[in-house]
Each structure stands twice: as C-alpha cells, then as structure tokens.
PDB file of N, CA and C in Angstrom:
ATOM      1  N   UNK A   1       0.853  -1.175   0.000  1.00  0.00           N
ATOM      2  CA  UNK A   1       0.000   0.000   0.000  1.00  0.00           C
ATOM      3  C   UNK A   1       0.897   1.236   0.000  1.00  0.00           C
ATOM      4  N   UNK A   2       0.645   2.128  -0.902  1.00  0.00           N
ATOM      5  CA  UNK A   2       1.415   3.360  -1.017  1.00  0.00           C
ATOM      6  C   UNK A   2       0.546   4.523  -0.563  1.00  0.00           C
ATOM      7  N   UNK A   3       1.032   5.288   0.398  1.00  0.00           N
ATOM      8  CA  UNK A   3       0.297   6.445   0.915  1.00  0.00           C
ATOM      9  C   UNK A   3       1.222   7.648   0.955  1.00  0.00           C
ATOM     10  N   UNK A   4       0.651   8.818   0.865  1.00  0.00           N
ATOM     11  CA  UNK A   4       1.424  10.057   0.941  1.00  0.00           C
ATOM     12  C   UNK A   4       1.132  10.776   2.245  1.00  0.00           C
ATOM     13  N   UNK A   5       2.182  11.287   2.870  1.00  0.00           N
ATOM     14  CA  UNK A   5       2.071  12.031   4.116  1.00  0.00           C
ATOM     15  C   UNK A   5       2.910  13.295   4.013  1.00  0.00           C
ATOM     16  N   UNK A   6       2.627  14.247   4.883  1.00  0.00           N
ATOM     17  CA  UNK A   6       3.378  15.498   4.929  1.00  0.00           C
ATOM     18  C   UNK A   6       4.333  15.454   6.109  1.00  0.00           C
ATOM     19  N   UNK A   7       5.633  15.494   5.823  1.00  0.00           N
ATOM     20  CA  UNK A   7       6.646  15.524   6.877  1.00  0.00           C
ATOM     21  C   UNK A   7       7.011  16.978   7.164  1.00  0.00           C
ATOM     22  N   UNK A   8       6.991  17.348   8.427  1.00  0.00           N
ATOM     23  CA  UNK A   8       7.442  18.661   8.873  1.00  0.00           C
ATOM     24  C   UNK A   8       8.781  18.431   9.569  1.00  0.00           C
ATOM     25  N   UNK A   9       9.843  19.039   9.053  1.00  0.00           N
ATOM     26  CA  UNK A   9      11.186  18.854   9.609  1.00  0.00           C
ATOM     27  C   UNK A   9      11.744  20.208  10.006  1.00  0.00           C
ATOM     28  N   UNK A  10      12.265  20.290  11.231  1.00  0.00           N
ATOM     29  CA  UNK A  10      12.843  21.536  11.742  1.00  0.00           C
ATOM     30  C   UNK A  10      14.257  21.254  12.244  1.00  0.00           C
ATOM     31  N   UNK A  11      15.094  22.286  12.225  1.00  0.00           N
ATOM     32  CA  UNK A  11      16.466  22.156  12.727  1.00  0.00           C
ATOM     33  C   UNK A  11      16.569  22.858  14.064  1.00  0.00           C
ATOM     34  N   UNK A  12      17.185  22.178  15.022  1.00  0.00           N
ATOM     35  CA  UNK A  12      17.399  22.741  16.345  1.00  0.00           C
ATOM     36  C   UNK A  12      18.836  22.428  16.751  1.00  0.00           C
ATOM     37  N   UNK A  13      19.679  23.427  16.696  1.00  0.00           N
ATOM     38  CA  UNK A  13      21.111  23.274  16.980  1.00  0.00           C
ATOM     39  C   UNK A  13      21.710  22.203  16.072  1.00  0.00           C
ATOM     40  N   UNK A  14      22.200  21.092  16.626  1.00  0.00           N
ATOM     41  CA  UNK A  14      22.872  20.058  15.826  1.00  0.00           C
ATOM     42  C   UNK A  14      21.947  18.945  15.346  1.00  0.00           C
ATOM     43  N   UNK A  15      20.663  19.019  15.678  1.00  0.00           N
ATOM     44  CA  UNK A  15      19.725  17.953  15.358  1.00  0.00           C
ATOM     45  C   UNK A  15      18.587  18.453  14.476  1.00  0.00           C
ATOM     46  N   UNK A  16      18.000  17.519  13.759  1.00  0.00           N
ATOM     47  CA  UNK A  16      16.763  17.769  13.027  1.00  0.00           C
ATOM     48  C   UNK A  16      15.673  16.954  13.717  1.00  0.00           C
ATOM     49  N   UNK A  17      14.505  17.515  13.801  1.00  0.00           N
ATOM     50  CA  UNK A  17      13.351  16.813  14.355  1.00  0.00           C
ATOM     51  C   UNK A  17      12.233  16.869  13.324  1.00  0.00           C
ATOM     52  N   UNK A  18      11.414  15.850  13.298  1.00  0.00           N
ATOM     53  CA  UNK A  18      10.328  15.835  12.329  1.00  0.00           C
ATOM     54  C   UNK A  18       9.106  15.117  12.858  1.00  0.00           C
ATOM     55  N   UNK A  19       7.974  15.452  12.248  1.00  0.00           N
ATOM     56  CA  UNK A  19       6.731  14.757  12.570  1.00  0.00           C
ATOM     57  C   UNK A  19       5.876  14.693  11.321  1.00  0.00           C
ATOM     58  N   UNK A  20       4.913  13.799  11.346  1.00  0.00           N
ATOM     59  CA  UNK A  20       3.995  13.625  10.226  1.00  0.00           C
ATOM     60  C   UNK A  20       2.709  14.367  10.551  1.00  0.00           C
ATOM     61  N   UNK A  21       2.402  15.343   9.730  1.00  0.00           N
ATOM     62  CA  UNK A  21       1.261  16.240   9.960  1.00  0.00           C
ATOM     63  C   UNK A  21      -0.056  15.486  10.119  1.00  0.00           C
ATOM     64  N   UNK A  22      -0.278  14.470   9.310  1.00  0.00           N
ATOM     65  CA  UNK A  22      -1.560  13.764   9.293  1.00  0.00           C
ATOM     66  C   UNK A  22      -1.643  12.604  10.284  1.00  0.00           C
ATOM     67  N   UNK A  23      -0.578  12.335  11.021  1.00  0.00           N
ATOM     68  CA  UNK A  23      -0.549  11.131  11.845  1.00  0.00           C
ATOM     69  C   UNK A  23       0.026  11.425  13.231  1.00  0.00           C
ATOM     70  N   UNK A  24      -0.834  11.816  14.177  1.00  0.00           N
ATOM     71  CA  UNK A  24      -0.352  12.103  15.530  1.00  0.00           C
ATOM     72  C   UNK A  24       0.434  10.922  16.104  1.00  0.00           C
ATOM     73  N   UNK A  25       1.546  11.222  16.712  1.00  0.00           N
ATOM     74  CA  UNK A  25       2.388  10.190  17.306  1.00  0.00           C
ATOM     75  C   UNK A  25       3.543   9.753  16.429  1.00  0.00           C
ATOM     76  N   UNK A  26       3.510  10.115  15.151  1.00  0.00           N
ATOM     77  CA  UNK A  26       4.608   9.762  14.243  1.00  0.00           C
ATOM     78  C   UNK A  26       5.607  10.908  14.220  1.00  0.00           C
ATOM     79  N   UNK A  27       6.655  10.764  15.009  1.00  0.00           N
ATOM     80  CA  UNK A  27       7.684  11.799  15.074  1.00  0.00           C
ATOM     81  C   UNK A  27       9.033  11.143  15.312  1.00  0.00           C
ATOM     82  N   UNK A  28      10.105  11.852  14.967  1.00  0.00           N
ATOM     83  CA  UNK A  28      11.437  11.301  15.137  1.00  0.00           C
ATOM     84  C   UNK A  28      12.462  12.418  15.067  1.00  0.00           C
ATOM     85  N   UNK A  29      13.728  12.034  15.137  1.00  0.00           N
ATOM     86  CA  UNK A  29      14.811  13.007  15.030  1.00  0.00           C
ATOM     87  C   UNK A  29      16.014  12.340  14.389  1.00  0.00           C
ATOM     88  N   UNK A  30      17.002  13.145  14.029  1.00  0.00           N
ATOM     89  CA  UNK A  30      18.227  12.613  13.446  1.00  0.00           C
ATOM     90  C   UNK A  30      19.246  13.717  13.261  1.00  0.00           C
ATOM     91  N   UNK A  31      20.460  13.321  12.955  1.00  0.00           N
ATOM     92  CA  UNK A  31      21.529  14.311  12.755  1.00  0.00           C
ATOM     93  C   UNK A  31      21.487  14.931  11.360  1.00  0.00           C
ATOM     94  N   UNK A  32      20.826  14.253  10.414  1.00  0.00           N
ATOM     95  CA  UNK A  32      20.683  14.785   9.057  1.00  0.00           C
ATOM     96  C   UNK A  32      19.213  14.726   8.648  1.00  0.00           C
ATOM     97  N   UNK A  33      18.884  15.486   7.617  1.00  0.00           N
ATOM     98  CA  UNK A  33      17.509  15.461   7.107  1.00  0.00           C
ATOM     99  C   UNK A  33      17.168  14.064   6.588  1.00  0.00           C
ATOM    100  N   UNK A  34      18.114  13.434   5.893  1.00  0.00           N
ATOM    101  CA  UNK A  34      17.858  12.093   5.364  1.00  0.00           C
ATOM    102  C   UNK A  34      17.614  11.090   6.490  1.00  0.00           C
ATOM    103  N   UNK A  35      18.355  11.218   7.581  1.00  0.00           N
ATOM    104  CA  UNK A  35      18.145  10.325   8.723  1.00  0.00           C
ATOM    105  C   UNK A  35      16.749  10.523   9.311  1.00  0.00           C
ATOM    106  N   UNK A  36      16.302  11.765   9.403  1.00  0.00           N
ATOM    107  CA  UNK A  36      14.950  12.036   9.903  1.00  0.00           C
ATOM    108  C   UNK A  36      13.916  11.431   8.958  1.00  0.00           C
ATOM    109  N   UNK A  37      14.110  11.588   7.660  1.00  0.00           N
ATOM    110  CA  UNK A  37      13.167  11.019   6.685  1.00  0.00           C
ATOM    111  C   UNK A  37      13.039   9.505   6.863  1.00  0.00           C
ATOM    112  N   UNK A  38      14.168   8.817   6.964  1.00  0.00           N
ATOM    113  CA  UNK A  38      14.141   7.364   7.143  1.00  0.00           C
ATOM    114  C   UNK A  38      13.487   6.989   8.470  1.00  0.00           C
ATOM    115  N   UNK A  39      13.818   7.725   9.528  1.00  0.00           N
ATOM    116  CA  UNK A  39      13.219   7.453  10.841  1.00  0.00           C
ATOM    117  C   UNK A  39      11.713   7.695  10.825  1.00  0.00           C
ATOM    118  N   UNK A  40      11.270   8.719  10.089  1.00  0.00           N
ATOM    119  CA  UNK A  40       9.839   9.006  10.002  1.00  0.00           C
ATOM    120  C   UNK A  40       9.091   7.897   9.264  1.00  0.00           C
ATOM    121  N   UNK A  41       9.718   7.313   8.253  1.00  0.00           N
ATOM    122  CA  UNK A  41       9.087   6.188   7.547  1.00  0.00           C
ATOM    123  C   UNK A  41       8.829   5.038   8.515  1.00  0.00           C
ATOM    124  N   UNK A  42       9.806   4.752   9.359  1.00  0.00           N
ATOM    125  CA  UNK A  42       9.635   3.701  10.364  1.00  0.00           C
ATOM    126  C   UNK A  42       8.573   4.093  11.391  1.00  0.00           C
ATOM    127  N   UNK A  43       8.564   5.366  11.792  1.00  0.00           N
ATOM    128  CA  UNK A  43       7.572   5.840  12.766  1.00  0.00           C
ATOM    129  C   UNK A  43       6.159   5.699  12.210  1.00  0.00           C
ATOM    130  N   UNK A  44       5.974   6.015  10.932  1.00  0.00           N
ATOM    131  CA  UNK A  44       4.659   5.872  10.297  1.00  0.00           C
ATOM    132  C   UNK A  44       4.196   4.420  10.389  1.00  0.00           C
ATOM    133  N   UNK A  45       5.065   3.493  10.010  1.00  0.00           N
ATOM    134  CA  UNK A  45       4.711   2.070  10.056  1.00  0.00           C
ATOM    135  C   UNK A  45       4.348   1.643  11.472  1.00  0.00           C
ATOM    136  N   UNK A  46       5.159   2.057  12.437  1.00  0.00           N
ATOM    137  CA  UNK A  46       4.921   1.658  13.827  1.00  0.00           C
ATOM    138  C   UNK A  46       3.603   2.208  14.359  1.00  0.00           C
ATOM    139  N   UNK A  47       3.301   3.477  14.073  1.00  0.00           N
ATOM    140  CA  UNK A  47       2.065   4.086  14.568  1.00  0.00           C
ATOM    141  C   UNK A  47       0.847   3.422  13.928  1.00  0.00           C
ATOM    142  N   UNK A  48       0.899   3.202  12.627  1.00  0.00           N
ATOM    143  CA  UNK A  48      -0.238   2.581  11.942  1.00  0.00           C
ATOM    144  C   UNK A  48      -0.470   1.161  12.459  1.00  0.00           C
ATOM    145  N   UNK A  49       0.594   0.372  12.598  1.00  0.00           N
ATOM    146  CA  UNK A  49       0.450  -0.992  13.107  1.00  0.00           C
ATOM    147  C   UNK A  49      -0.082  -1.000  14.537  1.00  0.00           C
ATOM    148  N   UNK A  50       0.431  -0.110  15.369  1.00  0.00           N
ATOM    149  CA  UNK A  50      -0.014  -0.028  16.761  1.00  0.00           C
ATOM    150  C   UNK A  50      -1.479   0.390  16.847  1.00  0.00           C
ATOM    151  N   UNK A  51      -1.849   1.408  16.069  1.00  0.00           N
ATOM    152  CA  UNK A  51      -3.243   1.867  16.069  1.00  0.00           C
ATOM    153  C   UNK A  51      -4.182   0.750  15.624  1.00  0.00           C
ATOM    154  N   UNK A  52      -3.776   0.003  14.610  1.00  0.00           N
ATOM    155  CA  UNK A  52      -4.608  -1.088  14.110  1.00  0.00           C
ATOM    156  C   UNK A  52      -4.794  -2.160  15.181  1.00  0.00           C
ATOM    157  N   UNK A  53      -3.690  -2.598  15.780  1.00  0.00           N
ATOM    158  CA  UNK A  53      -3.775  -3.644  16.812  1.00  0.00           C
ATOM    159  C   UNK A  53      -4.666  -3.209  17.967  1.00  0.00           C
ATOM    160  N   UNK A  54      -4.485  -1.972  18.431  1.00  0.00           N
ATOM    161  CA  UNK A  54      -5.263  -1.496  19.572  1.00  0.00           C
ATOM    162  C   UNK A  54      -6.740  -1.290  19.226  1.00  0.00           C
ATOM    163  N   UNK A  55      -7.026  -0.979  17.970  1.00  0.00           N
ATOM    164  CA  UNK A  55      -8.417  -0.711  17.597  1.00  0.00           C
ATOM    165  C   UNK A  55      -9.248  -1.986  17.466  1.00  0.00           C
ATOM    166  N   UNK A  56      -8.614  -3.144  17.257  1.00  0.00           N
ATOM    167  CA  UNK A  56      -9.389  -4.375  17.075  1.00  0.00           C
ATOM    168  C   UNK A  56      -9.302  -5.329  18.260  1.00  0.00           C
ATOM    169  N   UNK A  57      -8.477  -5.014  19.248  1.00  0.00           N
ATOM    170  CA  UNK A  57      -8.325  -5.901  20.405  1.00  0.00           C
ATOM    171  C   UNK A  57      -9.654  -6.078  21.140  1.00  0.00           C
ATOM    172  N   UNK A  58      -9.964  -7.319  21.471  1.00  0.00           N
ATOM    173  CA  UNK A  58     -11.119  -7.599  22.307  1.00  0.00           C
ATOM    174  C   UNK A  58     -12.445  -7.720  21.575  1.00  0.00           C
ATOM    175  N   UNK A  59     -12.464  -7.482  20.273  1.00  0.00           N
ATOM    176  CA  UNK A  59     -13.722  -7.593  19.536  1.00  0.00           C
ATOM    177  C   UNK A  59     -13.902  -9.000  18.995  1.00  0.00           C
ATOM    178  N   UNK A  60     -15.139  -9.450  19.007  1.00  0.00           N
ATOM    179  CA  UNK A  60     -15.465 -10.781  18.520  1.00  0.00           C
ATOM    180  C   UNK A  60     -15.376 -10.858  16.996  1.00  0.00           C
ATOM    181  N   UNK A  61     -15.819  -9.801  16.323  1.00  0.00           N
ATOM    182  CA  UNK A  61     -15.830  -9.781  14.861  1.00  0.00           C
ATOM    183  C   UNK A  61     -15.271  -8.452  14.380  1.00  0.00           C
ATOM    184  N   UNK A  62     -14.385  -8.509  13.398  1.00  0.00           N
ATOM    185  CA  UNK A  62     -13.786  -7.304  12.822  1.00  0.00           C
ATOM    186  C   UNK A  62     -14.017  -7.344  11.317  1.00  0.00           C
ATOM    187  N   UNK A  63     -14.614  -6.286  10.776  1.00  0.00           N
ATOM    188  CA  UNK A  63     -14.846  -6.167   9.337  1.00  0.00           C
ATOM    189  C   UNK A  63     -13.860  -5.138   8.806  1.00  0.00           C
ATOM    190  N   UNK A  64     -13.109  -5.520   7.792  1.00  0.00           N
ATOM    191  CA  UNK A  64     -12.126  -4.620   7.203  1.00  0.00           C
ATOM    192  C   UNK A  64     -12.499  -4.388   5.750  1.00  0.00           C
ATOM    193  N   UNK A  65     -12.610  -3.123   5.350  1.00  0.00           N
ATOM    194  CA  UNK A  65     -12.941  -2.801   3.968  1.00  0.00           C
ATOM    195  C   UNK A  65     -12.225  -1.530   3.540  1.00  0.00           C
ATOM    196  N   UNK A  66     -11.962  -1.421   2.243  1.00  0.00           N
ATOM    197  CA  UNK A  66     -11.307  -0.242   1.678  1.00  0.00           C
ATOM    198  C   UNK A  66     -12.340   0.858   1.485  1.00  0.00           C
ATOM    199  N   UNK A  67     -11.914   2.111   1.709  1.00  0.00           N
ATOM    200  CA  UNK A  67     -12.790   3.265   1.510  1.00  0.00           C
ATOM    201  C   UNK A  67     -12.031   4.325   0.725  1.00  0.00           C
ATOM    202  N   UNK A  68     -12.740   5.051  -0.109  1.00  0.00           N
ATOM    203  CA  UNK A  68     -12.165   6.180  -0.822  1.00  0.00           C
ATOM    204  C   UNK A  68     -12.857   7.434  -0.342  1.00  0.00           C
ATOM    205  N   UNK A  69     -12.070   8.425   0.046  1.00  0.00           N
ATOM    206  CA  UNK A  69     -12.614   9.679   0.561  1.00  0.00           C
ATOM    207  C   UNK A  69     -11.996  10.827  -0.216  1.00  0.00           C
ATOM    208  N   UNK A  70     -12.810  11.718  -0.721  1.00  0.00           N
ATOM    209  CA  UNK A  70     -12.340  12.906  -1.418  1.00  0.00           C
ATOM    210  C   UNK A  70     -12.430  14.082  -0.458  1.00  0.00           C
ATOM    211  N   UNK A  71     -11.297  14.643  -0.107  1.00  0.00           N
ATOM    212  CA  UNK A  71     -11.269  15.756   0.855  1.00  0.00           C
ATOM    213  C   UNK A  71     -10.961  17.045   0.131  1.00  0.00           C
TER     214      UNK A  71
END
C-alpha cells in the first residue's frame, strides 16, 4: 500500500526533528535530514500498526474494507 504524508522537519542546533502532519504520534529526530526522513518512515509504520492492533483488540468480529474519501 502506497500512501502520501506530509513531513514537517525543523532544525534545532545540531539535530533535526520531524513529525507527520496527518498522523499524531509519528515523530522522530536525526543528525541529518535524510536520517529524519528514514526514521519518520519507520515511525509511520509503527504508529499505523499499533493503532490497528489497539483498535481491534477484544472484539469478537472485525470487518475490514477499503474506503475512498475525497477531501
């Protein structure tokens, strides 16, 4: 699955910090912009997987379907 997200990256002294605008909890840091980008990709995966696991825990039946939304 290919999705697009907006990364916000800022520089603070010797470090870069970044977060994903559309995905609360997906944030990271690194010494270079490229390191932050790679770390953010991992953060996105971790947040999505964690959110999914927590959202279906304890339910007897889970229905999963694709949706298209035009914003």
